Amino acid sequence: MRFLPTDEQRAFARSLDAMLTAAGTPGIVRAWAAGDPGPGRALWARLGAAGVFALAAPEAYEGVGPLPVELAHAFVESGRHAVPGPLVETVAATVLLAELGDPAKRLPGLVAGETVATLALDACSPYALDADAADVVLAVTGDEVWLAPGHGEVRVSADPARRLAPPLPGGELLAAGTAVRAAARRARDWALLATAAQSLGVGIALLDRTVAYARQRTQFGAPIGSFQAVKHRLADTLIGLEFARPLLFGAALTCESGDLAAAKVATGEAAYAAARTALQIHGAVGYTDELDLSLWLRKARPLRDAWGTPSWCRARVLAGPTP
């Protein structure tokens, strides 16, 4: 069995990397955090045109999927470049609506990147990410899916570019019954995969920036990266990320609940460890908002807990396959 990415998958990841590098995502993240979603929405449309959201939708709904491995590659790149917005939630909403037959008739817009969606699952969180910037706010309560009429008070998380708000009650009932619970579990699984991939990308970006800083920062006439203690810390961080990588792509291949949970906890912990390493090696400068490093530092902890805390993920692994 071949476990390496295909040439097409590598090319897809490289094309996204090039596009996001040219877009200048740090400025887009800062604008999003300041309440200006315009640049982020423009980048969102480009991601849609590149086929990112189509990976989660079947061909019957103008998608090209489901292609979870390709989606994992795409979301690693979104994490590496700190792309703001409810990317994961839009993918989860796409999966949810596709499983239910698209009762809201929103899938074409979601797949094309023309519509931004967010989603709150009562089993995960009562809050929806970036509901104030979304066109569609979905809420799953029990065995019902609602198209919410709006959102409540917006709260800023540890990451200023990740705002949380509860969906308002009421609105349009889109679907009800046991099929909703099955569709919600499927949507949560894809959210786990996408969040795990984002976490890995954030961790990689943090390590890359820290290695570059350790090469140029000098103490006692030598780069700090030449010091044994710094080398060991960077090596430990790299090992954590590289051990998490096969769990992520293995989970993308199987899409089994336990594998997805294992990938989520491994990538989340590795990214959080990378954030701690980055902060320590950068020293006092790492705490400053002006340094772009802070955009990634602030994402590591929220992503670690989003769509399944480490304890929840470990419990799911121990529980075995979902019947």
Protein backbone atom coordinates (compact mmCIF):
# COMPACT_ATOMS: atom_id res chain seq x y z
CA MET A 1 0.00 0.00 0.00
CA ARG A 2 1.29 3.47 -0.90
CA PHE A 3 1.14 6.00 1.92
CA LEU A 4 2.99 8.89 0.25
CA PRO A 5 0.93 11.69 -1.33
CA THR A 6 0.41 11.46 -5.06
CA ASP A 7 1.95 13.91 -7.51
CA GLU A 8 -1.48 15.50 -7.95
CA GLN A 9 -1.91 15.96 -4.21
CA ARG A 10 1.53 17.54 -3.90
CA ALA A 11 0.80 19.86 -6.80
CA PHE A 12 -2.52 20.86 -5.25
CA ALA A 13 -0.83 21.70 -1.93
CA ARG A 14 1.92 23.67 -3.70
CA SER A 15 -0.63 25.68 -5.68
CA LEU A 16 -2.49 26.61 -2.50
CA ASP A 17 0.77 27.50 -0.79
CA ALA A 18 1.73 29.80 -3.65
CA MET A 19 -1.69 31.45 -3.73
CA LEU A 20 -1.79 32.05 0.02
CA THR A 21 1.79 33.31 0.11
CA ALA A 22 1.00 35.86 -2.60
CA ALA A 23 -2.20 36.90 -0.78
CA GLY A 24 -0.30 38.16 2.27
CA THR A 25 -2.45 36.43 4.88
CA PRO A 26 -1.02 38.22 7.97
CA GLY A 27 -2.65 41.45 6.80
CA ILE A 28 -5.89 39.60 6.06
CA VAL A 29 -5.90 38.05 9.55
CA ARG A 30 -5.35 41.43 11.18
CA ALA A 31 -8.20 42.95 9.16
CA TRP A 32 -10.51 40.06 10.10
CA ALA A 33 -9.66 40.46 13.78
CA ALA A 34 -10.43 44.19 13.52
CA GLY A 35 -13.90 43.45 12.15
CA ASP A 36 -13.18 43.94 8.45
CA PRO A 37 -13.97 40.65 6.68
CA GLY A 38 -13.61 42.11 3.18
CA PRO A 39 -10.06 40.89 2.39
CA GLY A 40 -10.86 37.55 4.01
CA ARG A 41 -13.99 37.13 1.92
CA ALA A 42 -12.00 37.88 -1.24
CA LEU A 43 -9.48 35.18 -0.30
CA TRP A 44 -12.37 32.86 0.56
CA ALA A 45 -13.70 33.22 -3.00
CA ARG A 46 -10.28 32.28 -4.36
CA LEU A 47 -10.16 29.19 -2.16
CA GLY A 48 -13.58 28.24 -3.49
CA ALA A 49 -12.42 28.73 -7.07
CA ALA A 50 -9.44 26.48 -6.29
CA GLY A 51 -11.88 23.73 -5.30
CA VAL A 52 -11.20 23.56 -1.56
CA PHE A 53 -14.83 23.42 -0.47
CA ALA A 54 -15.81 21.16 -3.37
CA LEU A 55 -13.66 18.44 -1.79
CA ALA A 56 -16.32 17.89 0.89
CA ALA A 57 -19.32 17.70 -1.45
CA PRO A 58 -20.35 14.85 -3.77
CA GLU A 59 -20.69 15.38 -7.50
CA ALA A 60 -24.48 15.46 -7.19
CA TYR A 61 -24.07 18.86 -5.48
CA GLU A 62 -21.43 20.26 -7.84
CA GLY A 63 -18.58 18.98 -5.71
CA VAL A 64 -15.69 16.69 -6.56
CA GLY A 65 -15.68 14.60 -3.38
CA PRO A 66 -15.79 13.38 -0.89
CA LEU A 67 -11.99 13.54 -0.96
CA PRO A 68 -10.82 13.66 2.67
CA VAL A 69 -7.10 13.22 1.91
CA GLU A 70 -7.06 16.17 -0.46
CA LEU A 71 -9.07 18.16 2.09
CA ALA A 72 -6.44 17.39 4.73
CA HIS A 73 -3.71 18.72 2.43
CA ALA A 74 -5.72 21.89 1.80
CA PHE A 75 -6.32 22.54 5.48
CA VAL A 76 -2.68 21.99 6.39
CA GLU A 77 -1.95 24.87 4.02
CA SER A 78 -4.74 26.99 5.53
CA GLY A 79 -3.15 26.45 8.95
CA ARG A 80 0.37 27.20 7.67
CA HIS A 81 -0.89 30.53 6.38
CA ALA A 82 -3.29 31.27 9.27
CA VAL A 83 -6.26 31.80 6.94
CA PRO A 84 -9.09 33.35 9.02
CA GLY A 85 -12.78 32.53 8.95
CA PRO A 86 -15.03 29.52 9.58
CA LEU A 87 -13.35 27.28 7.02
CA VAL A 88 -13.84 24.16 9.12
CA GLU A 89 -17.43 25.07 9.89
CA THR A 90 -18.22 25.63 6.21
CA VAL A 91 -16.87 22.17 5.40
CA ALA A 92 -18.92 20.67 8.25
CA ALA A 93 -22.03 22.53 7.04
CA THR A 94 -21.41 21.27 3.50
CA VAL A 95 -21.21 17.67 4.70
CA LEU A 96 -24.28 18.08 6.92
CA LEU A 97 -26.45 19.56 4.18
CA ALA A 98 -25.26 17.05 1.57
CA GLU A 99 -26.12 14.16 3.89
CA LEU A 100 -29.63 15.61 4.31
CA GLY A 101 -30.24 16.30 0.63
CA ASP A 102 -29.51 20.05 0.79
CA PRO A 103 -32.81 21.15 2.32
CA ALA A 104 -31.69 24.79 2.40
CA LYS A 105 -30.52 24.80 -1.23
CA ARG A 106 -27.24 26.35 -0.15
CA LEU A 107 -24.70 23.82 -1.35
CA PRO A 108 -23.88 25.37 -4.74
CA GLY A 109 -22.88 28.62 -3.04
CA LEU A 110 -20.88 26.84 -0.35
CA VAL A 111 -19.03 24.68 -2.86
CA ALA A 112 -18.17 27.66 -5.07
CA GLY A 113 -16.91 29.75 -2.16
CA GLU A 114 -19.63 32.34 -2.67
CA THR A 115 -21.33 31.56 0.66
CA VAL A 116 -19.69 31.51 4.09
CA ALA A 117 -21.37 29.21 6.60
CA THR A 118 -20.90 28.48 10.25
CA LEU A 119 -22.31 25.71 12.36
CA ALA A 120 -23.04 25.01 16.02
CA LEU A 121 -23.51 21.40 17.09
CA ASP A 122 -25.05 21.06 20.53
CA ALA A 123 -22.85 18.01 21.15
CA CYS A 124 -19.70 20.13 20.64
CA SER A 125 -20.40 23.75 21.50
CA PRO A 126 -23.36 26.13 21.76
CA TYR A 127 -21.31 28.75 19.92
CA ALA A 128 -20.77 29.23 16.20
CA LEU A 129 -17.43 30.52 14.94
CA ASP A 130 -17.48 33.90 13.16
CA ALA A 131 -21.27 33.99 12.95
CA ASP A 132 -21.05 37.75 12.49
CA ALA A 133 -19.19 37.26 9.19
CA ALA A 134 -21.17 34.28 7.90
CA ASP A 135 -24.00 34.28 5.36
CA VAL A 136 -25.53 31.11 6.80
CA VAL A 137 -25.73 30.18 10.48
CA LEU A 138 -26.82 26.59 11.12
CA ALA A 139 -27.67 25.10 14.49
CA VAL A 140 -28.11 21.40 15.28
CA THR A 141 -30.06 20.68 18.45
CA GLY A 142 -30.83 17.06 19.12
CA ASP A 143 -32.35 15.65 15.96
CA GLU A 144 -33.21 19.00 14.37
CA VAL A 145 -31.32 21.32 12.03
CA TRP A 146 -32.26 24.99 12.05
CA LEU A 147 -31.30 27.86 9.79
CA ALA A 148 -30.83 30.46 12.52
CA PRO A 149 -32.22 33.98 12.03
CA GLY A 150 -29.01 35.53 13.33
CA HIS A 151 -26.59 35.36 16.22
CA GLY A 152 -26.30 36.59 19.76
CA GLU A 153 -23.54 38.49 21.52
CA VAL A 154 -20.14 38.10 19.88
CA ARG A 155 -17.31 37.01 22.13
CA VAL A 156 -13.61 37.19 21.35
CA SER A 157 -11.62 34.03 22.00
CA ALA A 158 -7.92 33.67 22.81
CA ASP A 159 -7.40 34.25 19.09
CA PRO A 160 -8.81 37.69 18.11
CA ALA A 161 -9.48 36.34 14.62
CA ARG A 162 -11.79 33.64 16.05
CA ARG A 163 -15.03 35.22 17.29
CA LEU A 164 -17.76 33.13 18.88
CA ALA A 165 -21.49 33.81 19.06
CA PRO A 166 -24.54 31.68 19.90
CA PRO A 167 -27.08 31.22 17.08
CA LEU A 168 -30.40 32.88 17.83
CA PRO A 169 -33.24 30.48 18.54
CA GLY A 170 -35.99 29.98 16.01
CA GLY A 171 -35.59 30.48 12.31
CA GLU A 172 -36.32 27.88 9.64
CA LEU A 173 -36.46 24.19 10.50
CA LEU A 174 -34.54 22.42 7.72
CA ALA A 175 -34.69 18.79 8.82
CA ALA A 176 -35.66 16.59 11.76
CA GLY A 177 -35.39 12.95 12.72
CA THR A 178 -32.78 10.26 13.19
CA ALA A 179 -31.13 11.14 9.89
CA VAL A 180 -30.07 14.44 11.44
CA ARG A 181 -28.08 12.72 14.17
CA ALA A 182 -26.25 10.56 11.63
CA ALA A 183 -25.55 13.57 9.41
CA ALA A 184 -24.31 15.58 12.40
CA ARG A 185 -21.88 12.81 13.36
CA ARG A 186 -20.58 12.77 9.81
CA ALA A 187 -20.18 16.55 9.80
CA ARG A 188 -18.36 16.43 13.14
CA ASP A 189 -15.96 13.81 11.78
CA TRP A 190 -15.03 16.04 8.86
CA ALA A 191 -14.66 18.97 11.25
CA LEU A 192 -12.27 16.87 13.34
CA LEU A 193 -10.21 16.07 10.26
CA ALA A 194 -10.07 19.66 9.02
CA THR A 195 -9.23 21.06 12.46
CA ALA A 196 -6.48 18.46 12.92
CA ALA A 197 -5.01 19.44 9.56
CA GLN A 198 -5.16 23.13 10.46
CA SER A 199 -3.39 22.40 13.74
CA LEU A 200 -0.59 20.58 11.94
CA GLY A 201 -0.19 23.50 9.56
CA VAL A 202 -0.05 25.99 12.44
CA GLY A 203 2.59 23.88 14.18
CA ILE A 204 4.70 23.66 11.01
CA ALA A 205 4.53 27.42 10.51
CA LEU A 206 5.53 28.07 14.12
CA LEU A 207 8.49 25.71 13.87
CA ASP A 208 9.66 27.15 10.53
CA ARG A 209 9.56 30.70 11.88
CA THR A 210 11.32 29.70 15.08
CA VAL A 211 14.10 27.88 13.25
CA ALA A 212 14.64 30.94 11.04
CA TYR A 213 14.78 33.19 14.11
CA ALA A 214 17.22 30.87 15.92
CA ARG A 215 19.57 31.07 12.94
CA GLN A 216 19.70 34.86 12.89
CA ARG A 217 19.45 35.76 16.60
CA THR A 218 22.87 35.84 18.21
CA GLN A 219 24.11 35.62 21.79
CA PHE A 220 27.71 35.57 22.93
CA GLY A 221 28.74 36.02 19.31
CA ALA A 222 26.94 32.88 18.02
CA PRO A 223 23.46 32.10 16.62
CA ILE A 224 21.25 30.77 19.40
CA GLY A 225 20.34 27.89 17.10
CA SER A 226 23.84 26.52 17.64
CA PHE A 227 23.21 26.07 21.37
CA GLN A 228 22.55 22.49 22.40
CA ALA A 229 19.51 23.30 24.54
CA VAL A 230 17.86 25.17 21.66
CA LYS A 231 18.65 22.36 19.24
CA HIS A 232 17.05 19.81 21.52
CA ARG A 233 13.92 21.91 21.98
CA LEU A 234 13.51 22.38 18.23
CA ALA A 235 14.18 18.70 17.58
CA ASP A 236 11.53 17.66 20.10
CA THR A 237 9.04 19.99 18.43
CA LEU A 238 9.82 18.57 14.99
CA ILE A 239 9.43 15.01 16.26
CA GLY A 240 6.02 15.82 17.72
CA LEU A 241 4.81 17.27 14.43
CA GLU A 242 6.25 14.47 12.31
CA PHE A 243 4.69 11.81 14.55
CA ALA A 244 1.33 13.56 14.22
CA ARG A 245 1.48 13.83 10.42
CA PRO A 246 0.93 10.11 9.61
CA LEU A 247 -1.91 9.95 12.13
CA LEU A 248 -3.60 12.81 10.27
CA PHE A 249 -3.31 11.30 6.81
CA GLY A 250 -4.02 7.81 8.09
CA ALA A 251 -7.26 9.14 9.55
CA ALA A 252 -8.05 10.85 6.25
CA LEU A 253 -7.73 7.45 4.55
CA THR A 254 -9.93 5.51 6.97
CA CYS A 255 -12.31 8.25 8.25
CA GLU A 256 -12.87 6.04 11.30
CA SER A 257 -13.99 7.86 14.44
CA GLY A 258 -11.13 6.61 16.61
CA ASP A 259 -8.52 7.43 13.98
CA LEU A 260 -9.89 10.95 13.55
CA ALA A 261 -9.89 11.55 17.30
CA ALA A 262 -6.31 10.25 17.58
CA ALA A 263 -5.22 12.57 14.78
CA LYS A 264 -6.97 15.51 16.38
CA VAL A 265 -5.35 15.06 19.77
CA ALA A 266 -1.90 14.37 18.29
CA THR A 267 -1.86 17.39 15.96
CA GLY A 268 -3.41 19.67 18.57
CA GLU A 269 -0.85 18.76 21.22
CA ALA A 270 2.02 19.00 18.72
CA ALA A 271 0.93 22.46 17.56
CA TYR A 272 0.51 23.65 21.15
CA ALA A 273 4.00 22.36 21.98
CA ALA A 274 5.31 24.21 18.91
CA ALA A 275 3.68 27.39 20.19
CA ARG A 276 5.36 27.03 23.58
CA THR A 277 8.72 26.40 21.92
CA ALA A 278 8.29 29.39 19.61
CA LEU A 279 7.41 31.68 22.49
CA GLN A 280 10.33 30.55 24.62
CA ILE A 281 12.96 30.82 21.88
CA HIS A 282 11.69 34.16 20.62
CA GLY A 283 11.84 35.49 24.17
CA ALA A 284 10.13 38.78 25.03
CA VAL A 285 9.62 39.69 21.37
CA GLY A 286 7.30 36.69 21.04
CA TYR A 287 4.71 38.38 23.24
CA THR A 288 4.28 41.41 20.97
CA ASP A 289 1.21 41.87 18.79
CA GLU A 290 3.31 43.57 16.13
CA LEU A 291 5.21 40.37 15.40
CA ASP A 292 3.38 38.18 12.88
CA LEU A 293 4.35 35.15 14.96
CA SER A 294 1.54 36.10 17.35
CA LEU A 295 -1.04 35.31 14.66
CA TRP A 296 -0.02 31.64 14.81
CA LEU A 297 0.72 31.54 18.53
CA ARG A 298 -2.86 32.55 19.31
CA LYS A 299 -4.34 29.87 17.07
CA ALA A 300 -2.62 26.84 18.57
CA ARG A 301 -4.57 26.63 21.84
CA PRO A 302 -8.07 27.35 20.44
CA LEU A 303 -7.57 24.79 17.67
CA ARG A 304 -6.37 22.26 20.25
CA ASP A 305 -9.79 22.46 21.92
CA ALA A 306 -12.05 23.16 18.92
CA TRP A 307 -14.39 20.35 17.81
CA GLY A 308 -13.14 18.06 20.56
CA THR A 309 -10.88 18.72 23.55
CA PRO A 310 -7.89 16.41 24.10
CA SER A 311 -9.73 14.57 26.88
CA TRP A 312 -12.81 14.09 24.66
CA CYS A 313 -10.65 12.81 21.81
CA ARG A 314 -8.80 10.36 24.05
CA ALA A 315 -12.10 9.06 25.42
CA ARG A 316 -13.33 8.56 21.86
CA VAL A 317 -10.20 6.58 20.97
CA LEU A 318 -10.65 4.35 24.00
CA ALA A 319 -14.34 3.83 23.23
CA GLY A 320 -13.47 1.97 20.04
CA PRO A 321 -15.36 2.02 16.71
CA THR A 322 -18.72 3.79 16.59
CA PRO A 323 -21.50 1.28 15.90
